Amino acid sequence: MGGFAFLRPAGDPKRSPKAARIAQNILHGIQIKYVAMATKRSHTCALEVVMSALSELKKRLRPGQVYRRQDLEKWSNAVDRHVRQLLDEGRLEKVSGGVYMAPRQTRFGKAPAKPEKLVEAFLKDDRFLMVSPSAFNGLGVGSTQLYNEPVVYNLKRHGRFKLGGRTYDFRKKSSVPARLTQEVLLVDLLQTMDRLAEDKAELLPRALERARSMDPVRLAKAARDFGSVRAGRLVAQAFEA
């Protein structure tokens, strides 16, 4: 037993100081190993929790949908880390500050979410009217230009903002029509004519002629609720002629 004297109880008079030091070192080594194993196990469990939460978040994403950071927080316990991972994987794309979209997969590759979804998430409001100036071509007043920048009439934001790689012209109004009727479209033409590439001297007489073919009550309401002062005067002028 002499070779194992370090295992004797601490109070044993036969236990030498050297044996005590050896026993202490062994116990210290065991403690260090135990702490390392516990730490590794803890880190592994934490990583499993994070990965499990990320997998759950991926299940929530729907192609073509747009999400604000607050939306993703409901499904994630580490939203910033998860968003970075999803961006790296291409499962999310950044639209603007705090706004992300899950791209749609088409036969031509990945496609952005629909413009209406992008705008609604950006504004945090569904009260807006999106108009492409190219829509004026459908009024039959001789406009033929094509425009790439949609105009978004809304109650909150004003300015040009890029969403999903496309620029939108946000114009703040006190009220916004619920839908784009022919009367609203004509009023918009009258109030934005100076911004268009067409010859105003040729376009305006045709626009006023088109106004005379419309329901005067509905056209007057569209001008009153949505149009500028100038547009209102032009509508009144059309029916005075």
Protein backbone atom coordinates (compact mmCIF):
# COMPACT_ATOMS: atom_id res chain seq x y z
CA MET A 1 0.00 0.00 0.00
CA GLY A 2 3.03 2.27 0.29
CA GLY A 3 2.73 3.27 -3.36
CA PHE A 4 -0.79 4.48 -2.73
CA ALA A 5 -0.11 6.52 0.39
CA PHE A 6 -1.64 9.60 -1.25
CA LEU A 7 -5.04 7.86 -1.03
CA ARG A 8 -4.95 7.72 2.76
CA PRO A 9 -7.45 10.02 4.57
CA ALA A 10 -6.27 13.59 5.08
CA GLY A 11 -6.02 13.06 8.84
CA ASP A 12 -3.97 9.87 8.56
CA PRO A 13 -0.58 10.48 10.28
CA LYS A 14 1.06 8.10 7.81
CA ARG A 15 0.10 10.35 4.88
CA SER A 16 3.14 12.33 3.69
CA PRO A 17 3.01 15.99 2.47
CA LYS A 18 4.04 14.78 -0.98
CA ALA A 19 1.14 12.33 -1.09
CA ALA A 20 -1.23 15.13 -0.04
CA ARG A 21 -0.01 17.34 -2.88
CA ILE A 22 -0.46 14.51 -5.39
CA ALA A 23 -3.99 13.88 -4.16
CA GLN A 24 -4.79 17.59 -4.36
CA ASN A 25 -3.47 17.80 -7.94
CA ILE A 26 -5.51 14.78 -8.97
CA LEU A 27 -8.68 16.25 -7.47
CA HIS A 28 -7.95 19.60 -9.15
CA GLY A 29 -7.50 17.86 -12.48
CA ILE A 30 -10.76 16.00 -12.06
CA GLN A 31 -12.55 19.28 -11.26
CA ILE A 32 -11.11 20.99 -14.33
CA LYS A 33 -12.14 18.09 -16.56
CA TYR A 34 -15.64 18.07 -15.06
CA VAL A 35 -16.05 21.83 -15.58
CA ALA A 36 -14.81 21.53 -19.19
CA MET A 37 -17.27 18.72 -19.90
CA ALA A 38 -20.14 20.65 -18.31
CA THR A 39 -19.23 23.79 -20.27
CA LYS A 40 -19.04 21.85 -23.53
CA ARG A 41 -22.39 20.20 -22.79
CA SER A 42 -23.91 23.60 -22.01
CA HIS A 43 -22.58 25.12 -25.25
CA THR A 44 -23.85 22.14 -27.23
CA CYS A 45 -27.31 22.47 -25.69
CA ALA A 46 -27.34 26.22 -26.36
CA LEU A 47 -26.33 25.65 -30.00
CA GLU A 48 -29.03 23.01 -30.37
CA VAL A 49 -31.61 25.46 -29.01
CA VAL A 50 -30.47 28.20 -31.43
CA MET A 51 -30.47 25.80 -34.40
CA SER A 52 -33.89 24.47 -33.40
CA ALA A 53 -35.24 28.03 -33.22
CA LEU A 54 -33.73 28.82 -36.64
CA SER A 55 -35.38 25.73 -38.12
CA GLU A 56 -38.69 26.81 -36.64
CA LEU A 57 -38.27 30.30 -38.10
CA LYS A 58 -37.54 28.85 -41.55
CA LYS A 59 -40.81 26.92 -41.39
CA ARG A 60 -42.67 30.20 -40.81
CA LEU A 61 -41.32 31.94 -43.90
CA ARG A 62 -43.57 31.98 -46.96
CA PRO A 63 -42.24 32.72 -50.46
CA GLY A 64 -43.42 36.11 -51.71
CA GLN A 65 -44.17 37.43 -48.22
CA VAL A 66 -42.61 40.50 -46.65
CA TYR A 67 -41.64 40.68 -42.97
CA ARG A 68 -40.67 43.41 -40.59
CA ARG A 69 -38.11 42.68 -37.90
CA GLN A 70 -40.92 42.78 -35.32
CA ASP A 71 -42.70 39.98 -37.21
CA LEU A 72 -39.64 37.73 -37.08
CA GLU A 73 -39.10 38.40 -33.37
CA LYS A 74 -42.27 36.44 -32.62
CA TRP A 75 -40.63 33.26 -33.96
CA SER A 76 -37.00 33.76 -32.99
CA ASN A 77 -35.04 33.93 -29.73
CA ALA A 78 -32.03 35.48 -31.50
CA VAL A 79 -33.58 37.45 -34.33
CA ASP A 80 -30.51 39.42 -35.46
CA ARG A 81 -28.35 36.29 -35.65
CA HIS A 82 -31.07 34.36 -37.43
CA VAL A 83 -31.71 37.16 -39.93
CA ARG A 84 -28.00 37.27 -40.82
CA GLN A 85 -27.99 33.51 -41.38
CA LEU A 86 -31.14 33.64 -43.50
CA LEU A 87 -29.69 36.49 -45.57
CA ASP A 88 -26.48 34.48 -46.11
CA GLU A 89 -28.55 31.47 -47.18
CA GLY A 90 -30.67 33.55 -49.57
CA ARG A 91 -33.89 32.66 -47.75
CA LEU A 92 -34.42 36.35 -46.95
CA GLU A 93 -33.49 39.50 -48.86
CA LYS A 94 -33.29 42.97 -47.35
CA VAL A 95 -35.86 45.41 -48.69
CA SER A 96 -35.05 48.41 -46.50
CA GLY A 97 -34.12 49.07 -42.88
CA GLY A 98 -35.85 46.43 -40.79
CA VAL A 99 -37.88 45.06 -43.72
CA TYR A 100 -37.13 41.71 -45.41
CA MET A 101 -38.77 39.54 -48.03
CA ALA A 102 -38.76 35.83 -48.72
CA PRO A 103 -38.18 35.67 -52.50
CA ARG A 104 -40.50 33.66 -54.73
CA GLN A 105 -39.04 30.87 -56.84
CA THR A 106 -40.06 30.99 -60.50
CA ARG A 107 -38.89 29.07 -63.55
CA PHE A 108 -36.64 32.05 -64.29
CA GLY A 109 -35.10 32.04 -60.82
CA LYS A 110 -35.82 34.02 -57.68
CA ALA A 111 -38.35 36.85 -57.95
CA PRO A 112 -39.15 39.63 -55.47
CA ALA A 113 -42.37 39.88 -53.53
CA LYS A 114 -45.27 41.71 -55.13
CA PRO A 115 -44.94 45.52 -55.01
CA GLU A 116 -48.11 45.87 -52.92
CA LYS A 117 -46.64 43.66 -50.18
CA LEU A 118 -43.35 45.56 -50.21
CA VAL A 119 -45.09 48.91 -49.90
CA GLU A 120 -47.48 47.75 -47.18
CA ALA A 121 -44.63 46.42 -45.04
CA PHE A 122 -42.57 49.58 -45.62
CA LEU A 123 -45.45 51.87 -44.65
CA LYS A 124 -46.84 49.58 -41.93
CA ASP A 125 -50.17 50.60 -43.42
CA ASP A 126 -52.45 49.22 -46.13
CA ARG A 127 -54.02 52.59 -46.91
CA PHE A 128 -52.23 53.56 -50.10
CA LEU A 129 -52.85 53.79 -53.82
CA MET A 130 -50.14 52.69 -56.24
CA VAL A 131 -50.24 54.19 -59.72
CA SER A 132 -47.91 53.65 -62.62
CA PRO A 133 -47.85 56.66 -64.96
CA SER A 134 -47.92 54.09 -67.76
CA ALA A 135 -51.56 53.47 -66.76
CA PHE A 136 -52.46 56.83 -68.29
CA ASN A 137 -52.06 55.14 -71.67
CA GLY A 138 -55.32 53.31 -70.97
CA LEU A 139 -57.33 56.53 -70.82
CA GLY A 140 -57.19 56.96 -74.57
CA VAL A 141 -55.82 60.51 -74.45
CA GLY A 142 -52.76 59.89 -76.61
CA SER A 143 -50.16 59.21 -73.90
CA THR A 144 -47.86 56.38 -74.95
CA GLN A 145 -44.82 56.68 -72.70
CA LEU A 146 -43.76 53.82 -70.43
CA TYR A 147 -42.55 54.59 -66.90
CA ASN A 148 -40.62 52.36 -64.51
CA GLU A 149 -41.18 54.29 -61.27
CA PRO A 150 -44.54 53.69 -59.57
CA VAL A 151 -46.16 56.49 -57.60
CA VAL A 152 -47.49 55.56 -54.15
CA TYR A 153 -50.09 57.90 -52.70
CA ASN A 154 -50.22 57.35 -48.96
CA LEU A 155 -50.85 58.96 -45.57
CA LYS A 156 -47.35 58.66 -44.06
CA ARG A 157 -44.27 58.99 -46.26
CA HIS A 158 -43.01 61.41 -48.88
CA GLY A 159 -39.96 60.93 -51.06
CA ARG A 160 -38.32 58.40 -53.35
CA PHE A 161 -37.40 55.10 -51.70
CA LYS A 162 -35.82 51.95 -53.08
CA LEU A 163 -37.57 48.72 -52.14
CA GLY A 164 -36.44 45.34 -53.40
CA GLY A 165 -34.21 46.90 -56.04
CA ARG A 166 -36.93 49.18 -57.45
CA THR A 167 -37.51 52.88 -56.78
CA TYR A 168 -40.95 54.08 -55.66
CA ASP A 169 -42.12 57.67 -55.58
CA PHE A 170 -44.05 58.11 -52.31
CA ARG A 171 -46.37 61.11 -52.19
CA LYS A 172 -48.15 61.97 -48.98
CA LYS A 173 -51.81 62.94 -49.23
CA SER A 174 -54.49 63.80 -46.68
CA SER A 175 -56.73 61.10 -48.12
CA VAL A 176 -56.28 58.20 -50.51
CA PRO A 177 -58.90 56.54 -52.75
CA ALA A 178 -59.70 52.93 -51.93
CA ARG A 179 -59.20 51.88 -55.55
CA LEU A 180 -57.97 53.20 -58.88
CA THR A 181 -61.02 54.09 -60.96
CA GLN A 182 -60.96 55.76 -64.37
CA GLU A 183 -62.05 59.01 -62.70
CA VAL A 184 -59.23 58.85 -60.15
CA LEU A 185 -56.75 58.01 -62.90
CA LEU A 186 -57.82 61.02 -64.97
CA VAL A 187 -57.58 63.33 -61.96
CA ASP A 188 -54.10 61.99 -61.32
CA LEU A 189 -53.18 62.69 -64.94
CA LEU A 190 -54.36 66.28 -64.60
CA GLN A 191 -52.42 66.86 -61.40
CA THR A 192 -49.17 65.25 -62.59
CA MET A 193 -49.15 66.34 -66.22
CA ASP A 194 -46.16 68.61 -65.70
CA ARG A 195 -44.05 65.61 -64.64
CA LEU A 196 -44.78 63.58 -67.76
CA ALA A 197 -42.66 63.33 -70.89
CA GLU A 198 -45.63 63.93 -73.24
CA ASP A 199 -46.31 67.31 -74.86
CA LYS A 200 -48.64 69.08 -72.43
CA ALA A 201 -50.11 71.33 -75.15
CA GLU A 202 -51.36 68.25 -77.01
CA LEU A 203 -52.22 66.11 -73.98
CA LEU A 204 -54.34 68.59 -71.98
CA PRO A 205 -57.11 69.19 -74.58
CA ARG A 206 -57.51 65.43 -75.05
CA ALA A 207 -57.61 64.90 -71.27
CA LEU A 208 -60.36 67.51 -70.90
CA GLU A 209 -62.30 65.90 -73.73
CA ARG A 210 -61.99 62.56 -71.94
CA ALA A 211 -63.27 64.18 -68.74
CA ARG A 212 -66.47 65.26 -70.53
CA SER A 213 -67.21 61.64 -71.36
CA MET A 214 -67.16 60.60 -67.71
CA ASP A 215 -69.79 60.73 -65.00
CA PRO A 216 -69.54 64.35 -63.76
CA VAL A 217 -70.57 63.50 -60.19
CA ARG A 218 -68.00 60.76 -59.76
CA LEU A 219 -65.31 62.80 -61.49
CA ALA A 220 -66.03 65.83 -59.31
CA LYS A 221 -65.84 63.64 -56.18
CA ALA A 222 -62.51 62.17 -57.27
CA ALA A 223 -61.16 65.68 -57.87
CA ARG A 224 -62.46 66.92 -54.51
CA ASP A 225 -61.25 63.96 -52.43
CA PHE A 226 -57.96 63.21 -54.17
CA GLY A 227 -56.96 65.87 -56.67
CA SER A 228 -54.91 69.03 -56.33
CA VAL A 229 -56.47 72.47 -56.55
CA ARG A 230 -55.26 72.70 -60.14
CA ALA A 231 -56.84 69.35 -61.03
CA GLY A 232 -60.13 70.53 -59.52
CA ARG A 233 -60.08 73.67 -61.63
CA LEU A 234 -59.38 71.70 -64.80
CA VAL A 235 -62.27 69.31 -64.10
CA ALA A 236 -64.59 72.25 -63.57
CA GLN A 237 -63.25 73.84 -66.77
CA ALA A 238 -64.02 70.67 -68.73
CA PHE A 239 -67.72 70.86 -67.91
CA GLU A 240 -67.96 74.61 -68.44
CA ALA A 241 -66.86 74.32 -72.04
